[in-house]
Amino acid sequence: MSAYEDTMERSQLNLRISDQLGKLIDAKRIELSQTMGSIPTRSDILRFALAQYLNVDLSQTEQDRRRSS
């Protein structure tokens, strides 16, 4: 399988949030960093929340590909 075939089409979702929601998301990032070993991105937090709300496992298809890990 080529690298092209291995990549999945992705869409970007731009979301405007209040300062209060941003602070809550950032607090959750810091909380989760204690168990994850690094601070998750805001996008990670939104993916976690959506996965829980939609009751689906997004761990394989929705990884933040900006990281090299």
C-alpha atoms as a PDB file:
ATOM      1  CA  MET A   1       0.000   0.000   0.000  1.00  0.00           C
ATOM      2  CA  SER A   2       1.448   3.392  -0.952  1.00  0.00           C
ATOM      3  CA  ALA A   3       1.681   6.319   1.442  1.00  0.00           C
ATOM      4  CA  TYR A   4      -1.061   8.011  -0.573  1.00  0.00           C
ATOM      5  CA  GLU A   5      -3.420   5.053  -0.151  1.00  0.00           C
ATOM      6  CA  ASP A   6      -2.659   4.922   3.566  1.00  0.00           C
ATOM      7  CA  THR A   7      -3.812   8.497   4.189  1.00  0.00           C
ATOM      8  CA  MET A   8      -7.424   9.290   4.847  1.00  0.00           C
ATOM      9  CA  GLU A   9      -9.296  12.314   3.568  1.00  0.00           C
ATOM     10  CA  ARG A  10      -9.615  14.821   6.389  1.00  0.00           C
ATOM     11  CA  SER A  11     -11.741  17.876   6.936  1.00  0.00           C
ATOM     12  CA  GLN A  12     -11.015  20.791   9.191  1.00  0.00           C
ATOM     13  CA  LEU A  13     -13.661  22.069  11.564  1.00  0.00           C
ATOM     14  CA  ASN A  14     -13.295  25.644  12.764  1.00  0.00           C
ATOM     15  CA  LEU A  15     -15.060  26.195  16.051  1.00  0.00           C
ATOM     16  CA  ARG A  16     -15.552  29.440  17.926  1.00  0.00           C
ATOM     17  CA  ILE A  17     -15.792  29.032  21.679  1.00  0.00           C
ATOM     18  CA  SER A  18     -16.232  31.354  24.634  1.00  0.00           C
ATOM     19  CA  ASP A  19     -13.315  32.248  26.878  1.00  0.00           C
ATOM     20  CA  GLN A  20     -14.983  30.216  29.627  1.00  0.00           C
ATOM     21  CA  LEU A  21     -15.159  27.072  27.484  1.00  0.00           C
ATOM     22  CA  GLY A  22     -11.555  27.615  26.398  1.00  0.00           C
ATOM     23  CA  LYS A  23     -10.489  27.740  30.051  1.00  0.00           C
ATOM     24  CA  LEU A  24     -12.405  24.541  30.798  1.00  0.00           C
ATOM     25  CA  ILE A  25     -10.770  22.783  27.848  1.00  0.00           C
ATOM     26  CA  ASP A  26      -7.335  23.982  28.947  1.00  0.00           C
ATOM     27  CA  ALA A  27      -7.995  22.770  32.504  1.00  0.00           C
ATOM     28  CA  LYS A  28      -8.896  19.328  31.113  1.00  0.00           C
ATOM     29  CA  ARG A  29      -5.675  19.356  29.047  1.00  0.00           C
ATOM     30  CA  ILE A  30      -3.622  19.899  32.201  1.00  0.00           C
ATOM     31  CA  GLU A  31      -5.625  17.270  34.114  1.00  0.00           C
ATOM     32  CA  LEU A  32      -5.100  14.651  31.385  1.00  0.00           C
ATOM     33  CA  SER A  33      -1.409  15.463  31.054  1.00  0.00           C
ATOM     34  CA  GLN A  34      -0.875  13.822  34.445  1.00  0.00           C
ATOM     35  CA  THR A  35      -1.833  10.419  33.031  1.00  0.00           C
ATOM     36  CA  MET A  36      -0.850  10.891  29.372  1.00  0.00           C
ATOM     37  CA  GLY A  37       2.711  12.073  29.941  1.00  0.00           C
ATOM     38  CA  SER A  38       2.262  15.116  27.699  1.00  0.00           C
ATOM     39  CA  ILE A  39      -0.271  17.910  27.372  1.00  0.00           C
ATOM     40  CA  PRO A  40      -2.927  16.977  24.810  1.00  0.00           C
ATOM     41  CA  THR A  41      -3.932  19.594  22.243  1.00  0.00           C
ATOM     42  CA  ARG A  42      -7.285  21.322  22.293  1.00  0.00           C
ATOM     43  CA  SER A  43      -8.101  19.265  19.200  1.00  0.00           C
ATOM     44  CA  ASP A  44      -7.315  16.083  21.161  1.00  0.00           C
ATOM     45  CA  ILE A  45      -9.724  17.146  23.909  1.00  0.00           C
ATOM     46  CA  LEU A  46     -12.482  17.824  21.388  1.00  0.00           C
ATOM     47  CA  ARG A  47     -11.851  14.436  19.726  1.00  0.00           C
ATOM     48  CA  PHE A  48     -12.062  12.699  23.128  1.00  0.00           C
ATOM     49  CA  ALA A  49     -15.310  14.522  23.911  1.00  0.00           C
ATOM     50  CA  LEU A  50     -16.842  13.735  20.525  1.00  0.00           C
ATOM     51  CA  ALA A  51     -15.853  10.071  20.772  1.00  0.00           C
ATOM     52  CA  GLN A  52     -17.511   9.813  24.173  1.00  0.00           C
ATOM     53  CA  TYR A  53     -20.626  11.719  23.062  1.00  0.00           C
ATOM     54  CA  LEU A  54     -20.978   9.673  19.867  1.00  0.00           C
ATOM     55  CA  ASN A  55     -20.054   6.439  21.660  1.00  0.00           C
ATOM     56  CA  VAL A  56     -17.418   5.506  19.068  1.00  0.00           C
ATOM     57  CA  ASP A  57     -13.719   4.632  19.084  1.00  0.00           C
ATOM     58  CA  LEU A  58     -11.860   7.274  17.089  1.00  0.00           C
ATOM     59  CA  SER A  59      -8.380   6.332  18.294  1.00  0.00           C
ATOM     60  CA  GLN A  60      -7.202   4.909  14.951  1.00  0.00           C
ATOM     61  CA  THR A  61      -8.792   7.353  12.521  1.00  0.00           C
ATOM     62  CA  GLU A  62      -8.659  10.672  14.341  1.00  0.00           C
ATOM     63  CA  GLN A  63      -5.096  11.007  15.579  1.00  0.00           C
ATOM     64  CA  ASP A  64      -3.491  14.424  15.351  1.00  0.00           C
ATOM     65  CA  ARG A  65      -1.064  13.862  12.462  1.00  0.00           C
ATOM     66  CA  ARG A  66       0.936  17.016  13.173  1.00  0.00           C
ATOM     67  CA  ARG A  67       2.968  15.033  15.701  1.00  0.00           C
ATOM     68  CA  SER A  68       5.715  12.606  14.771  1.00  0.00           C
ATOM     69  CA  SER A  69       4.967  10.076  17.526  1.00  0.00           C
END
